[in-house]
Amino acid sequence: MPSELRCPAGHLNDAPAVFCTTCGVPLPTGGDEVDVTRLNPGGFPVAPGATAPTGPVYSPGSGSFAPPPVQPPRQPAGRKVWPIVVIAVLALLVVGLGTAVALTSSKKQPVVATASTGAARTSTTTSTTAPPPTTAPTNTEQQEATVLQGLLQQSTGDRSQVVAAVSDIGQCGSNQGLSEDEQIMNQAQTSRQNLVNQLGTLTLSALPAGLITDLTNAWNASASADGYYAGWAADESSNINGCTSDDTGDSNYQAASSSDVQATNAKEAFAALWNPVATQFNLTQYQASQL
């Protein structure tokens, strides 16, 4: 029959029990010491695999029961997470703020050309370069033709007086007198020479080749003829035998007639080149007898 063991509280236990099956206190072991390394916070040993008692326990020193030791309350596991979350959010805010400041600063900095690439970059200040010098525009063909037409109009004005004076010389000055005819022809010669001088000062390179040459030759020949006609009028005025009507044998008359032929040929050549230009730019056309 198993022996019975009684715990200090008076509970009966069957041997070979080590702890009281009622209150859990160590049972007398015949002088053996209890393994103090297995004492729980309440001061009593706990058997291997057993849990410490949660109810009143017996206190060997006082011989009475004492309330179980008070364990500190455990913190819920979820409450330990929020500090980590707060720290992570603050870190993200700091990183975002630093990135924004860096981007703002980079936009304000001027961009310069790098030595490695040599690529031109824009900067906050821009330099302006002076435009290349421009040459004066050349005259157009229409502009030159318009200027030349002004000289042609002067020539036609002199032409009418010249024709009338030559005819009057052949009639011995019956209309206006030989002296008047001589004066008109001298003035016509001076006028033709002035036209030739003005023509030489103009830039007319845009007009057809040969046009200016023909006009120059025509006016030079006409100026010579005018001078010879003036001499014819003087000859008829000073003739001892008096004026002879249509005196074609006079030397000045013969020289004037030769110059007239040269002038007429040059005027026809000029008109052949001038009239197409005049038609193109809506200017006056001329015949040889008008110049």
C-alpha atoms as a PDB file:
ATOM      1  CA  MET A   1       0.000   0.000   0.000  1.00  0.00           C
ATOM      2  CA  PRO A   2       1.438   3.281  -1.014  1.00  0.00           C
ATOM      3  CA  SER A   3       2.471   5.463   1.796  1.00  0.00           C
ATOM      4  CA  GLU A   4       0.679   8.676   2.355  1.00  0.00           C
ATOM      5  CA  LEU A   5       2.349  12.017   2.440  1.00  0.00           C
ATOM      6  CA  ARG A   6       0.869  15.096   4.011  1.00  0.00           C
ATOM      7  CA  CYS A   7       1.736  18.556   2.816  1.00  0.00           C
ATOM      8  CA  PRO A   8       2.375  21.371   5.252  1.00  0.00           C
ATOM      9  CA  ALA A   9      -1.252  22.476   4.671  1.00  0.00           C
ATOM     10  CA  GLY A  10      -2.480  19.098   5.788  1.00  0.00           C
ATOM     11  CA  HIS A  11      -3.472  17.658   2.406  1.00  0.00           C
ATOM     12  CA  LEU A  12      -2.946  13.951   1.963  1.00  0.00           C
ATOM     13  CA  ASN A  13      -1.000  12.781  -1.079  1.00  0.00           C
ATOM     14  CA  ASP A  14       0.049   9.366  -2.329  1.00  0.00           C
ATOM     15  CA  ALA A  15       3.736   8.572  -2.517  1.00  0.00           C
ATOM     16  CA  PRO A  16       5.872   8.978  -4.438  1.00  0.00           C
ATOM     17  CA  ALA A  17       4.316  12.446  -5.125  1.00  0.00           C
ATOM     18  CA  VAL A  18       6.719  15.350  -4.811  1.00  0.00           C
ATOM     19  CA  PHE A  19       4.188  18.173  -4.748  1.00  0.00           C
ATOM     20  CA  CYS A  20       0.828  18.408  -3.140  1.00  0.00           C
ATOM     21  CA  THR A  21      -1.876  17.554  -5.636  1.00  0.00           C
ATOM     22  CA  THR A  22      -4.173  20.028  -3.916  1.00  0.00           C
ATOM     23  CA  CYS A  23      -2.098  23.173  -3.240  1.00  0.00           C
ATOM     24  CA  GLY A  24       1.086  22.332  -5.178  1.00  0.00           C
ATOM     25  CA  VAL A  25       3.538  22.895  -2.335  1.00  0.00           C
ATOM     26  CA  PRO A  26       6.540  20.565  -1.991  1.00  0.00           C
ATOM     27  CA  LEU A  27       5.967  17.433   0.018  1.00  0.00           C
ATOM     28  CA  PRO A  28       8.417  16.275   2.686  1.00  0.00           C
ATOM     29  CA  THR A  29      11.131  14.161   1.082  1.00  0.00           C
ATOM     30  CA  GLY A  30      12.835  12.826   4.096  1.00  0.00           C
ATOM     31  CA  GLY A  31      15.370  15.587   4.482  1.00  0.00           C
ATOM     32  CA  ASP A  32      16.055  16.231   0.768  1.00  0.00           C
ATOM     33  CA  GLU A  33      16.347  19.947  -0.160  1.00  0.00           C
ATOM     34  CA  VAL A  34      14.049  21.418  -2.741  1.00  0.00           C
ATOM     35  CA  ASP A  35      15.764  22.534  -5.983  1.00  0.00           C
ATOM     36  CA  VAL A  36      15.742  26.291  -5.478  1.00  0.00           C
ATOM     37  CA  THR A  37      16.522  26.857  -9.138  1.00  0.00           C
ATOM     38  CA  ARG A  38      12.983  25.869  -9.960  1.00  0.00           C
ATOM     39  CA  LEU A  39      11.273  28.188  -7.513  1.00  0.00           C
ATOM     40  CA  ASN A  40       8.683  30.389  -9.106  1.00  0.00           C
ATOM     41  CA  PRO A  41       8.184  34.091  -8.230  1.00  0.00           C
ATOM     42  CA  GLY A  42       5.890  33.019  -5.374  1.00  0.00           C
ATOM     43  CA  GLY A  43       8.722  31.260  -3.611  1.00  0.00           C
ATOM     44  CA  PHE A  44       7.668  27.668  -4.191  1.00  0.00           C
ATOM     45  CA  PRO A  45       9.130  25.101  -6.498  1.00  0.00           C
ATOM     46  CA  VAL A  46       7.434  24.041  -9.665  1.00  0.00           C
ATOM     47  CA  ALA A  47       7.600  20.534 -11.000  1.00  0.00           C
ATOM     48  CA  PRO A  48       8.901  19.973 -14.467  1.00  0.00           C
ATOM     49  CA  GLY A  49       6.089  20.460 -16.984  1.00  0.00           C
ATOM     50  CA  ALA A  50       3.800  21.974 -14.280  1.00  0.00           C
ATOM     51  CA  THR A  51       2.571  25.555 -14.113  1.00  0.00           C
ATOM     52  CA  ALA A  52       2.779  27.780 -11.120  1.00  0.00           C
ATOM     53  CA  PRO A  53      -0.418  27.918  -9.057  1.00  0.00           C
ATOM     54  CA  THR A  54      -2.674  30.831  -9.710  1.00  0.00           C
ATOM     55  CA  GLY A  55      -4.737  30.608  -6.530  1.00  0.00           C
ATOM     56  CA  PRO A  56      -3.683  31.229  -2.959  1.00  0.00           C
ATOM     57  CA  VAL A  57      -0.461  29.481  -2.134  1.00  0.00           C
ATOM     58  CA  TYR A  58       0.964  28.351   1.079  1.00  0.00           C
ATOM     59  CA  SER A  59       3.791  30.391   2.578  1.00  0.00           C
ATOM     60  CA  PRO A  60       6.235  28.083   4.378  1.00  0.00           C
ATOM     61  CA  GLY A  61       7.674  30.861   6.481  1.00  0.00           C
ATOM     62  CA  SER A  62       4.364  32.059   7.909  1.00  0.00           C
ATOM     63  CA  GLY A  63       2.513  28.798   7.841  1.00  0.00           C
ATOM     64  CA  SER A  64      -0.443  30.413   6.054  1.00  0.00           C
ATOM     65  CA  PHE A  65      -1.704  30.951   2.504  1.00  0.00           C
ATOM     66  CA  ALA A  66      -0.679  34.099   0.580  1.00  0.00           C
ATOM     67  CA  PRO A  67      -2.234  35.573  -2.561  1.00  0.00           C
ATOM     68  CA  PRO A  68      -0.528  34.664  -5.825  1.00  0.00           C
ATOM     69  CA  PRO A  69       2.145  37.039  -7.041  1.00  0.00           C
ATOM     70  CA  VAL A  70       0.900  39.931  -9.135  1.00  0.00           C
ATOM     71  CA  GLN A  71       2.213  39.760 -12.688  1.00  0.00           C
ATOM     72  CA  PRO A  72       2.728  43.059 -14.600  1.00  0.00           C
ATOM     73  CA  PRO A  73       0.116  43.552 -17.312  1.00  0.00           C
ATOM     74  CA  ARG A  74       1.229  42.672 -20.799  1.00  0.00           C
ATOM     75  CA  GLN A  75       1.073  45.365 -23.508  1.00  0.00           C
ATOM     76  CA  PRO A  76      -0.997  44.465 -26.567  1.00  0.00           C
ATOM     77  CA  ALA A  77       1.209  43.563 -29.478  1.00  0.00           C
ATOM     78  CA  GLY A  78      -0.496  46.070 -31.767  1.00  0.00           C
ATOM     79  CA  ARG A  79       0.443  49.068 -29.596  1.00  0.00           C
ATOM     80  CA  LYS A  80       4.169  48.595 -30.282  1.00  0.00           C
ATOM     81  CA  VAL A  81       3.741  49.191 -34.056  1.00  0.00           C
ATOM     82  CA  TRP A  82       2.643  52.863 -34.139  1.00  0.00           C
ATOM     83  CA  PRO A  83       6.054  54.366 -33.193  1.00  0.00           C
ATOM     84  CA  ILE A  84       7.613  52.597 -36.187  1.00  0.00           C
ATOM     85  CA  VAL A  85       4.870  53.871 -38.493  1.00  0.00           C
ATOM     86  CA  VAL A  86       5.277  57.437 -37.235  1.00  0.00           C
ATOM     87  CA  ILE A  87       9.059  57.295 -37.720  1.00  0.00           C
ATOM     88  CA  ALA A  88       8.640  55.926 -41.265  1.00  0.00           C
ATOM     89  CA  VAL A  89       6.164  58.697 -42.211  1.00  0.00           C
ATOM     90  CA  LEU A  90       8.471  61.385 -40.806  1.00  0.00           C
ATOM     91  CA  ALA A  91      11.402  59.933 -42.766  1.00  0.00           C
ATOM     92  CA  LEU A  92       9.380  60.007 -46.000  1.00  0.00           C
ATOM     93  CA  LEU A  93       8.386  63.637 -45.353  1.00  0.00           C
ATOM     94  CA  VAL A  94      12.008  64.639 -44.794  1.00  0.00           C
ATOM     95  CA  VAL A  95      13.155  62.874 -47.968  1.00  0.00           C
ATOM     96  CA  GLY A  96      10.332  64.451 -50.026  1.00  0.00           C
ATOM     97  CA  LEU A  97      11.080  67.924 -48.687  1.00  0.00           C
ATOM     98  CA  GLY A  98      14.774  67.547 -49.511  1.00  0.00           C
ATOM     99  CA  THR A  99      13.969  66.407 -53.052  1.00  0.00           C
ATOM    100  CA  ALA A 100      11.642  69.375 -53.618  1.00  0.00           C
ATOM    101  CA  VAL A 101      14.286  71.834 -52.396  1.00  0.00           C
ATOM    102  CA  ALA A 102      16.904  70.241 -54.664  1.00  0.00           C
ATOM    103  CA  LEU A 103      14.631  70.451 -57.717  1.00  0.00           C
ATOM    104  CA  THR A 104      13.771  74.085 -56.994  1.00  0.00           C
ATOM    105  CA  SER A 105      17.436  74.990 -56.631  1.00  0.00           C
ATOM    106  CA  SER A 106      18.371  73.236 -59.869  1.00  0.00           C
ATOM    107  CA  LYS A 107      15.767  75.242 -61.843  1.00  0.00           C
ATOM    108  CA  LYS A 108      17.228  78.515 -60.645  1.00  0.00           C
ATOM    109  CA  GLN A 109      20.811  77.692 -61.638  1.00  0.00           C
ATOM    110  CA  PRO A 110      21.917  78.826 -65.138  1.00  0.00           C
ATOM    111  CA  VAL A 111      22.962  76.065 -67.475  1.00  0.00           C
ATOM    112  CA  VAL A 112      26.414  76.441 -68.977  1.00  0.00           C
ATOM    113  CA  ALA A 113      28.288  74.574 -71.671  1.00  0.00           C
ATOM    114  CA  THR A 114      30.383  71.646 -70.463  1.00  0.00           C
ATOM    115  CA  ALA A 115      33.978  71.241 -71.544  1.00  0.00           C
ATOM    116  CA  SER A 116      33.519  67.540 -72.359  1.00  0.00           C
ATOM    117  CA  THR A 117      30.643  67.874 -74.810  1.00  0.00           C
ATOM    118  CA  GLY A 118      31.031  71.479 -75.902  1.00  0.00           C
ATOM    119  CA  ALA A 119      27.255  71.671 -76.305  1.00  0.00           C
ATOM    120  CA  ALA A 120      25.822  75.122 -76.034  1.00  0.00           C
ATOM    121  CA  ARG A 121      23.307  75.538 -73.227  1.00  0.00           C
ATOM    122  CA  THR A 122      20.938  78.344 -72.434  1.00  0.00           C
ATOM    123  CA  SER A 123      21.679  80.681 -69.539  1.00  0.00           C
ATOM    124  CA  THR A 124      19.849  83.380 -67.660  1.00  0.00           C
ATOM    125  CA  THR A 125      21.533  86.048 -69.773  1.00  0.00           C
ATOM    126  CA  THR A 126      21.437  86.071 -73.559  1.00  0.00           C
ATOM    127  CA  SER A 127      23.798  87.883 -75.873  1.00  0.00           C
ATOM    128  CA  THR A 128      22.703  89.524 -79.098  1.00  0.00           C
ATOM    129  CA  THR A 129      24.832  89.584 -82.208  1.00  0.00           C
ATOM    130  CA  ALA A 130      24.843  92.404 -84.695  1.00  0.00           C
ATOM    131  CA  PRO A 131      23.190  91.551 -88.011  1.00  0.00           C
ATOM    132  CA  PRO A 132      25.552  91.095 -90.949  1.00  0.00           C
ATOM    133  CA  PRO A 133      26.131  94.216 -93.013  1.00  0.00           C
ATOM    134  CA  THR A 134      23.801  94.488 -95.936  1.00  0.00           C
ATOM    135  CA  THR A 135      24.743  95.855 -99.314  1.00  0.00           C
ATOM    136  CA  ALA A 136      22.679  98.515-100.984  1.00  0.00           C
ATOM    137  CA  PRO A 137      20.060  96.980-103.266  1.00  0.00           C
ATOM    138  CA  THR A 138      20.794  97.270-106.960  1.00  0.00           C
ATOM    139  CA  ASN A 139      18.482  99.177-109.270  1.00  0.00           C
ATOM    140  CA  THR A 140      15.881  97.151-111.062  1.00  0.00           C
ATOM    141  CA  GLU A 141      15.286  97.302-114.797  1.00  0.00           C
ATOM    142  CA  GLN A 142      12.032  99.168-114.251  1.00  0.00           C
ATOM    143  CA  GLN A 143      13.705 101.818-112.088  1.00  0.00           C
ATOM    144  CA  GLU A 144      16.426 102.420-114.665  1.00  0.00           C
ATOM    145  CA  ALA A 145      13.948 102.548-117.547  1.00  0.00           C
ATOM    146  CA  THR A 146      11.869 105.139-115.683  1.00  0.00           C
ATOM    147  CA  VAL A 147      14.944 107.355-115.176  1.00  0.00           C
ATOM    148  CA  LEU A 148      15.919 107.046-118.838  1.00  0.00           C
ATOM    149  CA  GLN A 149      12.431 108.012-119.963  1.00  0.00           C
ATOM    150  CA  GLY A 150      12.918 111.403-118.274  1.00  0.00           C
ATOM    151  CA  LEU A 151      15.863 112.139-120.586  1.00  0.00           C
ATOM    152  CA  LEU A 152      13.920 110.970-123.636  1.00  0.00           C
ATOM    153  CA  GLN A 153      11.127 113.415-122.860  1.00  0.00           C
ATOM    154  CA  GLN A 154      13.634 116.297-122.894  1.00  0.00           C
ATOM    155  CA  SER A 155      14.915 115.142-126.272  1.00  0.00           C
ATOM    156  CA  THR A 156      11.471 115.164-127.845  1.00  0.00           C
ATOM    157  CA  GLY A 157      10.894 118.737-126.660  1.00  0.00           C
ATOM    158  CA  ASP A 158      14.027 119.964-128.439  1.00  0.00           C
ATOM    159  CA  ARG A 159      13.183 117.900-131.521  1.00  0.00           C
ATOM    160  CA  SER A 160      10.092 119.886-132.476  1.00  0.00           C
ATOM    161  CA  GLN A 161      11.963 123.209-132.461  1.00  0.00           C
ATOM    162  CA  VAL A 162      14.868 121.731-134.442  1.00  0.00           C
ATOM    163  CA  VAL A 163      12.631 120.453-137.248  1.00  0.00           C
ATOM    164  CA  ALA A 164      10.892 123.826-137.549  1.00  0.00           C
ATOM    165  CA  ALA A 165      14.211 125.758-137.636  1.00  0.00           C
ATOM    166  CA  VAL A 166      15.785 123.495-140.332  1.00  0.00           C
ATOM    167  CA  SER A 167      12.722 123.931-142.510  1.00  0.00           C
ATOM    168  CA  ASP A 168      12.852 127.724-142.059  1.00  0.00           C
ATOM    169  CA  ILE A 169      16.551 127.851-143.049  1.00  0.00           C
ATOM    170  CA  GLY A 170      15.686 126.152-146.349  1.00  0.00           C
ATOM    171  CA  GLN A 171      13.148 128.939-146.908  1.00  0.00           C
ATOM    172  CA  CYS A 172      15.743 131.629-146.111  1.00  0.00           C
ATOM    173  CA  GLY A 173      14.161 132.398-142.765  1.00  0.00           C
ATOM    174  CA  SER A 174      10.822 133.422-144.159  1.00  0.00           C
ATOM    175  CA  ASN A 175       8.963 132.443-140.974  1.00  0.00           C
ATOM    176  CA  GLN A 176      11.199 133.591-138.097  1.00  0.00           C
ATOM    177  CA  GLY A 177      14.442 134.782-139.704  1.00  0.00           C
ATOM    178  CA  LEU A 178      17.781 133.098-140.277  1.00  0.00           C
ATOM    179  CA  SER A 179      19.350 134.573-137.143  1.00  0.00           C
ATOM    180  CA  GLU A 180      16.564 133.078-135.033  1.00  0.00           C
ATOM    181  CA  ASP A 181      16.997 129.742-136.785  1.00  0.00           C
ATOM    182  CA  GLU A 182      20.731 129.809-136.124  1.00  0.00           C
ATOM    183  CA  GLN A 183      20.179 130.528-132.434  1.00  0.00           C
ATOM    184  CA  ILE A 184      17.689 127.633-132.095  1.00  0.00           C
ATOM    185  CA  MET A 185      20.135 125.199-133.682  1.00  0.00           C
ATOM    186  CA  ASN A 186      22.980 126.276-131.400  1.00  0.00           C
ATOM    187  CA  GLN A 187      20.744 125.800-128.365  1.00  0.00           C
ATOM    188  CA  ALA A 188      19.675 122.361-129.649  1.00  0.00           C
ATOM    189  CA  GLN A 189      23.313 121.332-130.001  1.00  0.00           C
ATOM    190  CA  THR A 190      24.066 122.371-126.401  1.00  0.00           C
ATOM    191  CA  SER A 191      20.977 120.541-125.154  1.00  0.00           C
ATOM    192  CA  ARG A 192      21.967 117.309-126.951  1.00  0.00           C
ATOM    193  CA  GLN A 193      25.450 117.426-125.494  1.00  0.00           C
ATOM    194  CA  ASN A 194      24.002 117.905-121.990  1.00  0.00           C
ATOM    195  CA  LEU A 195      21.774 114.844-122.501  1.00  0.00           C
ATOM    196  CA  VAL A 196      24.799 112.774-123.502  1.00  0.00           C
ATOM    197  CA  ASN A 197      26.672 113.939-120.374  1.00  0.00           C
ATOM    198  CA  GLN A 198      23.751 113.063-118.101  1.00  0.00           C
ATOM    199  CA  LEU A 199      23.372 109.691-119.776  1.00  0.00           C
ATOM    200  CA  GLY A 200      27.015 108.895-118.956  1.00  0.00           C
ATOM    201  CA  THR A 201      26.449 109.466-115.227  1.00  0.00           C
ATOM    202  CA  LEU A 202      23.547 107.015-114.886  1.00  0.00           C
ATOM    203  CA  THR A 203      23.785 103.366-113.826  1.00  0.00           C
ATOM    204  CA  LEU A 204      21.699 101.554-116.408  1.00  0.00           C
ATOM    205  CA  SER A 205      23.273  98.097-116.388  1.00  0.00           C
ATOM    206  CA  ALA A 206      19.903  96.367-115.890  1.00  0.00           C
ATOM    207  CA  LEU A 207      18.657  97.527-119.299  1.00  0.00           C
ATOM    208  CA  PRO A 208      19.314  95.482-122.475  1.00  0.00           C
ATOM    209  CA  ALA A 209      22.883  95.475-123.728  1.00  0.00           C
ATOM    210  CA  GLY A 210      23.516  97.967-126.548  1.00  0.00           C
ATOM    211  CA  LEU A 211      20.528 100.208-125.717  1.00  0.00           C
ATOM    212  CA  ILE A 212      22.576 102.926-124.040  1.00  0.00           C
ATOM    213  CA  THR A 213      25.270 102.717-126.714  1.00  0.00           C
ATOM    214  CA  ASP A 214      22.712 103.279-129.491  1.00  0.00           C
ATOM    215  CA  LEU A 215      21.162 106.227-127.673  1.00  0.00           C
ATOM    216  CA  THR A 216      24.567 107.806-126.998  1.00  0.00           C
ATOM    217  CA  ASN A 217      25.553 107.499-130.652  1.00  0.00           C
ATOM    218  CA  ALA A 218      22.202 108.937-131.765  1.00  0.00           C
ATOM    219  CA  TRP A 219      22.439 112.022-129.541  1.00  0.00           C
ATOM    220  CA  ASN A 220      26.088 112.658-130.443  1.00  0.00           C
ATOM    221  CA  ALA A 221      25.228 112.521-134.171  1.00  0.00           C
ATOM    222  CA  SER A 222      22.208 114.790-133.651  1.00  0.00           C
ATOM    223  CA  ALA A 223      24.345 117.332-131.752  1.00  0.00           C
ATOM    224  CA  SER A 224      26.789 117.418-134.690  1.00  0.00           C
ATOM    225  CA  ALA A 225      23.939 117.883-137.165  1.00  0.00           C
ATOM    226  CA  ASP A 226      22.490 120.736-135.077  1.00  0.00           C
ATOM    227  CA  GLY A 227      25.856 122.500-135.183  1.00  0.00           C
ATOM    228  CA  TYR A 228      26.119 122.103-138.934  1.00  0.00           C
ATOM    229  CA  TYR A 229      22.568 123.385-139.440  1.00  0.00           C
ATOM    230  CA  ALA A 230      23.435 126.467-137.400  1.00  0.00           C
ATOM    231  CA  GLY A 231      26.427 127.010-139.754  1.00  0.00           C
ATOM    232  CA  TRP A 232      24.163 126.652-142.772  1.00  0.00           C
ATOM    233  CA  ALA A 233      21.896 129.380-141.419  1.00  0.00           C
ATOM    234  CA  ALA A 234      24.956 131.607-140.914  1.00  0.00           C
ATOM    235  CA  ASP A 235      26.153 130.898-144.434  1.00  0.00           C
ATOM    236  CA  GLU A 236      22.822 131.895-145.944  1.00  0.00           C
ATOM    237  CA  SER A 237      22.709 135.080-143.885  1.00  0.00           C
ATOM    238  CA  SER A 238      26.221 136.151-144.968  1.00  0.00           C
ATOM    239  CA  ASN A 239      25.964 135.092-148.623  1.00  0.00           C
ATOM    240  CA  ILE A 240      27.028 137.998-150.847  1.00  0.00           C
ATOM    241  CA  ASN A 241      24.546 136.922-153.443  1.00  0.00           C
ATOM    242  CA  GLY A 242      21.847 136.629-150.817  1.00  0.00           C
ATOM    243  CA  CYS A 243      20.034 133.550-149.457  1.00  0.00           C
ATOM    244  CA  THR A 244      19.380 130.701-151.807  1.00  0.00           C
ATOM    245  CA  SER A 245      16.307 128.588-151.056  1.00  0.00           C
ATOM    246  CA  ASP A 246      17.041 124.923-150.456  1.00  0.00           C
ATOM    247  CA  ASP A 247      20.754 125.553-150.908  1.00  0.00           C
ATOM    248  CA  THR A 248      21.788 121.863-150.664  1.00  0.00           C
ATOM    249  CA  GLY A 249      25.192 122.685-152.142  1.00  0.00           C
ATOM    250  CA  ASP A 250      26.299 124.411-148.921  1.00  0.00           C
ATOM    251  CA  SER A 251      29.081 122.475-147.149  1.00  0.00           C
ATOM    252  CA  ASN A 252      27.465 122.854-143.727  1.00  0.00           C
ATOM    253  CA  TYR A 253      24.204 121.551-145.099  1.00  0.00           C
ATOM    254  CA  GLN A 254      25.940 118.498-146.578  1.00  0.00           C
ATOM    255  CA  ALA A 255      27.749 117.758-143.290  1.00  0.00           C
ATOM    256  CA  ALA A 256      24.491 118.166-141.362  1.00  0.00           C
ATOM    257  CA  SER A 257      22.727 115.764-143.713  1.00  0.00           C
ATOM    258  CA  SER A 258      25.464 113.124-143.199  1.00  0.00           C
ATOM    259  CA  SER A 259      25.200 113.459-139.417  1.00  0.00           C
ATOM    260  CA  ASP A 260      21.429 113.197-139.665  1.00  0.00           C
ATOM    261  CA  VAL A 261      21.735 109.801-141.395  1.00  0.00           C
ATOM    262  CA  GLN A 262      24.008 108.516-138.637  1.00  0.00           C
ATOM    263  CA  ALA A 263      21.633 109.820-135.963  1.00  0.00           C
ATOM    264  CA  THR A 264      18.611 108.249-137.630  1.00  0.00           C
ATOM    265  CA  ASN A 265      20.249 104.801-137.848  1.00  0.00           C
ATOM    266  CA  ALA A 266      21.245 104.913-134.172  1.00  0.00           C
ATOM    267  CA  LYS A 267      17.784 106.103-133.133  1.00  0.00           C
ATOM    268  CA  GLU A 268      16.128 103.225-134.978  1.00  0.00           C
ATOM    269  CA  ALA A 269      18.403 100.705-133.264  1.00  0.00           C
ATOM    270  CA  PHE A 270      17.642 102.303-129.900  1.00  0.00           C
ATOM    271  CA  ALA A 271      13.881 102.256-130.485  1.00  0.00           C
ATOM    272  CA  ALA A 272      14.002  98.562-131.365  1.00  0.00           C
ATOM    273  CA  LEU A 273      15.456  97.816-127.920  1.00  0.00           C
ATOM    274  CA  TRP A 274      13.546 100.446-125.962  1.00  0.00           C
ATOM    275  CA  ASN A 275       9.960  99.844-127.033  1.00  0.00           C
ATOM    276  CA  PRO A 276       9.710  96.245-125.631  1.00  0.00           C
ATOM    277  CA  VAL A 277      11.006  97.549-122.290  1.00  0.00           C
ATOM    278  CA  ALA A 278       8.543 100.438-122.384  1.00  0.00           C
ATOM    279  CA  THR A 279       5.693  98.037-123.126  1.00  0.00           C
ATOM    280  CA  GLN A 280       6.686  95.779-120.200  1.00  0.00           C
ATOM    281  CA  PHE A 281       6.739  98.633-117.670  1.00  0.00           C
ATOM    282  CA  ASN A 282       3.954 100.742-119.195  1.00  0.00           C
ATOM    283  CA  LEU A 283       6.307 103.547-120.345  1.00  0.00           C
ATOM    284  CA  THR A 284       6.262 105.706-123.504  1.00  0.00           C
ATOM    285  CA  GLN A 285       7.325 104.139-126.794  1.00  0.00           C
ATOM    286  CA  TYR A 286       9.268 106.202-129.339  1.00  0.00           C
ATOM    287  CA  GLN A 287       9.956 106.210-133.061  1.00  0.00           C
ATOM    288  CA  ALA A 288      13.274 107.338-134.500  1.00  0.00           C
ATOM    289  CA  SER A 289      11.746 110.578-135.823  1.00  0.00           C
ATOM    290  CA  GLN A 290      10.610 111.564-132.318  1.00  0.00           C
ATOM    291  CA  LEU A 291      14.013 111.457-130.665  1.00  0.00           C
END
